């Protein structure tokens, strides 16, 4: 959108110049910042993908990679304020793909066909085409409402997010092709992080760290999941959509945090595995292995956990000042683990190979 004109030719020309600068910024290329080093704890080779002199973060999408794993969607303030970048994972080169005024990097999400991505720029929900970097607004948060944390794009190309007002909230569903908006349901609390269930028209969402809820796309069958007492950590669907996976955080700090699963079709909640105090986690493509970040001060590690044996293997140190923000995730083929940490200065993105310990996988269809 053009800047407001002050009614003078000088202001008009200044507006044109400012718009031109923004257009030039989008599409800029930056050379690789990669650096390899042996991990102090395990001596496994770790690759730091971004320079810690500026802050860089993985996108919040549980799959920030293209299916072939050849590029990564991330965000960084390397240009002075947060913008999105697409990294070539063969060369390390980055291309700036937004020129947002107020990017919320936690909402960066790939479209199912990987030809575009979407994000929130302040109250504006936007989509960018990778081929020409054309940016368009799809929806804007109404005046008087606030956006809740979290954004998901379902397999049917509808975007899901929450809006809150006066202690209540609603899940909004936006068709990305035409921008048609509908309200899935309203609840008497502030919800967050809606996640579409793979292969089914259902949504998992949170009531803070108190509870998990599930509802159909049409607003029917809204129900609270029966989970054990304690707090709810990160939650997501299993790759096949059969179970809601979550971290259970007991009230007693002496007890171990555990990965649990709720199977909606059976109404069953069960233990998957105790952990060495994971505060964040993610499954590989077939759900046979988990990667987690430990909050243990004596062992601030990134680990993998085999589901069948419940055995853990330390990959490397994360030494993050906030372990809950390490955000470990597997590559699509399960051969690498990515995470973020501020151990060398500002937050940076890291990668470690795990092909010696985890079998190669194919991505699950949505």
Foldseek 3Di string as FASTA:
>chain_A
DFDDAPPDPVSVVVSVVVVVVLVVQAFDKDFWPWDWDQFPPPRFIKIFGDDQVWAKAAALDLAQADQVRQKGWIWTCPVPRIFIWIAGPVGSMIGTLHSAPAWDRNAWAAAPVNQWTWGDRQQFTWIAGPVVSDIDTLDGDDPQKDWAEAWEQDPQRWIWTWIDHPQKIWIWIARRVRSDIDTLDIDNHRKGHWYAQPPFQKIWIDRAFAFIWMAGSNNPPIDTQDDDDATWADWDAQLVRQWIWTWGHHPPNVDFIFIWIQGVVVSDIDTQATDQAFRDKDAAQNRQKMWGAHPPPVQRFIWMAGRVVRDIDTFHHQPAPDSNQQHWHAHNQRQKIKTWGCPPHHITIMMGGDCVPDPTDRHDDD
